[in-house]
Each structure stands twice: as structure tokens, then as C-alpha cells.
Amino acid sequence: MWARVASFEGGDTERLREMNEERMEAGEMGAPEGMRKALLLATPDGSRRLFVTFFDDQEAIAAAEARFESMGDEIPEEIRGRRTGVDVYEVLFEGSL
């Protein structure tokens, strides 16, 4: 399994949460093809976020890149924040204690 980690600064975490809930309820989420799951992490003050998405392989991540770019166009920067980086990691361990 592989993870794509996009980092963001600024934006409106509460409004982002509301938009996400609205889109899920309306069935308009439109996740990239091949994405297994997603996680959105935020600092306590909401000034920085990590959007972690999980895929079976690096090829699936590369294939999803165009959809990630269009998602950025669908959510205004004042809500999503400014993307400061994108990295890809191999998941070496997954589990619960």
C-alpha cells in the first residue's frame, strides 16, 4: 500500500469540514479512481492540514493526480488553504493496538 500526503497551510478548516459533509450527503464526493481511503489531519489551531490518501500502488497515485488537481479547482483556496507540498510514501505498517 502507498500513501500520498498533501500538505496545506491556511484556509478554513471548519468550512472545509462542512463542505466535505455536504458533498458526502449529496453523493458528490468524486474520489479519485483507485483511492482506498483518506484521512484529513489538522493542527489544533487549524492553520495546517495533511490530506493523506491510500492506494494499492504508485501507478494508481499517478493516475489519480489529474483528479486531485481538479479537486483543488473545486474548492476555493480560502477554504482549502495553500498546498505547500505533495509526497508519496510506502506504507510499511498498518494496524491498531
Protein backbone atom coordinates (compact mmCIF):
# COMPACT_ATOMS: atom_id res chain seq x y z
CA MET A 1 0.00 0.00 0.00
CA TRP A 2 1.12 3.55 -0.75
CA ALA A 3 0.15 6.92 0.72
CA ARG A 4 0.01 10.31 -0.96
CA VAL A 5 0.41 13.13 1.57
CA ALA A 6 -0.55 16.66 0.53
CA SER A 7 0.18 19.46 3.00
CA PHE A 8 -1.77 22.71 3.25
CA GLU A 9 -1.45 25.99 5.16
CA GLY A 10 -4.20 28.48 5.90
CA GLY A 11 -7.76 28.06 4.76
CA ASP A 12 -10.88 27.48 6.81
CA THR A 13 -10.87 24.07 8.49
CA GLU A 14 -14.46 24.35 9.75
CA ARG A 15 -15.82 25.33 6.35
CA LEU A 16 -13.78 22.52 4.75
CA ARG A 17 -15.36 20.06 7.19
CA GLU A 18 -18.85 21.40 6.32
CA MET A 19 -18.20 21.16 2.56
CA ASN A 20 -16.96 17.59 2.97
CA GLU A 21 -20.07 16.57 4.92
CA GLU A 22 -22.37 18.29 2.40
CA ARG A 23 -20.69 16.54 -0.55
CA MET A 24 -20.80 13.14 1.16
CA GLU A 25 -24.51 13.52 1.96
CA ALA A 26 -25.26 14.62 -1.61
CA GLY A 27 -23.19 11.77 -3.09
CA GLU A 28 -20.92 14.28 -4.82
CA MET A 29 -17.62 13.27 -3.26
CA GLY A 30 -15.99 12.14 -6.53
CA ALA A 31 -12.90 10.50 -5.06
CA PRO A 32 -10.07 9.63 -7.44
CA GLU A 33 -10.17 6.19 -9.05
CA GLY A 34 -8.23 3.61 -7.05
CA MET A 35 -8.24 5.53 -3.76
CA ARG A 36 -8.78 3.07 -0.89
CA LYS A 37 -9.24 5.51 1.97
CA ALA A 38 -8.46 9.05 3.03
CA LEU A 39 -7.53 10.86 6.20
CA LEU A 40 -7.53 14.60 6.89
CA LEU A 41 -5.35 15.72 9.79
CA ALA A 42 -5.31 19.27 11.19
CA THR A 43 -3.23 21.10 13.76
CA PRO A 44 -5.22 22.16 16.86
CA ASP A 45 -5.48 25.74 15.60
CA GLY A 46 -6.46 24.59 12.09
CA SER A 47 -3.65 26.51 10.41
CA ARG A 48 -2.08 23.44 8.78
CA ARG A 49 -3.53 20.22 7.39
CA LEU A 50 -2.34 16.95 5.91
CA PHE A 51 -4.55 15.15 3.39
CA VAL A 52 -3.43 11.51 3.35
CA THR A 53 -4.86 9.18 0.72
CA PHE A 54 -4.11 5.49 0.34
CA PHE A 55 -3.66 3.48 -2.86
CA ASP A 56 -2.52 -0.02 -3.81
CA ASP A 57 0.49 1.18 -5.80
CA GLN A 58 2.37 4.21 -7.11
CA GLU A 59 0.79 3.84 -10.56
CA ALA A 60 -2.67 4.37 -9.03
CA ILE A 61 -1.41 7.53 -7.33
CA ALA A 62 -0.02 8.85 -10.60
CA ALA A 63 -3.29 8.03 -12.39
CA ALA A 64 -5.26 9.96 -9.72
CA GLU A 65 -3.17 13.13 -9.97
CA ALA A 66 -5.43 14.83 -12.52
CA ARG A 67 -8.44 14.27 -10.24
CA PHE A 68 -6.55 15.75 -7.27
CA GLU A 69 -5.78 18.83 -9.37
CA SER A 70 -9.43 19.23 -10.35
CA MET A 71 -10.47 18.84 -6.70
CA GLY A 72 -8.23 21.83 -5.97
CA ASP A 73 -10.15 23.80 -8.58
CA GLU A 74 -13.49 22.82 -6.99
CA ILE A 75 -12.59 24.06 -3.51
CA PRO A 76 -11.59 27.74 -3.24
CA GLU A 77 -8.12 28.39 -1.79
CA GLU A 78 -9.59 30.49 1.03
CA ILE A 79 -11.28 27.28 2.22
CA ARG A 80 -8.78 24.53 1.29
CA GLY A 81 -5.68 26.61 2.02
CA ARG A 82 -2.47 26.82 0.01
CA ARG A 83 -0.93 23.48 -0.92
CA THR A 84 2.67 23.52 0.28
CA GLY A 85 3.77 20.06 -0.75
CA VAL A 86 2.93 16.58 -2.00
CA ASP A 87 4.91 13.47 -1.07
CA VAL A 88 4.43 9.75 -1.66
CA TYR A 89 5.29 7.10 0.93
CA GLU A 90 5.21 3.33 1.05
CA VAL A 91 3.07 2.16 3.99
CA LEU A 92 5.30 -0.20 5.96
CA PHE A 93 2.94 -0.88 8.84
CA GLU A 94 -0.80 -0.61 9.32
CA GLY A 95 -2.57 -1.79 12.42
CA SER A 96 -4.26 -0.99 15.66
CA LEU A 97 -3.24 -1.55 19.23
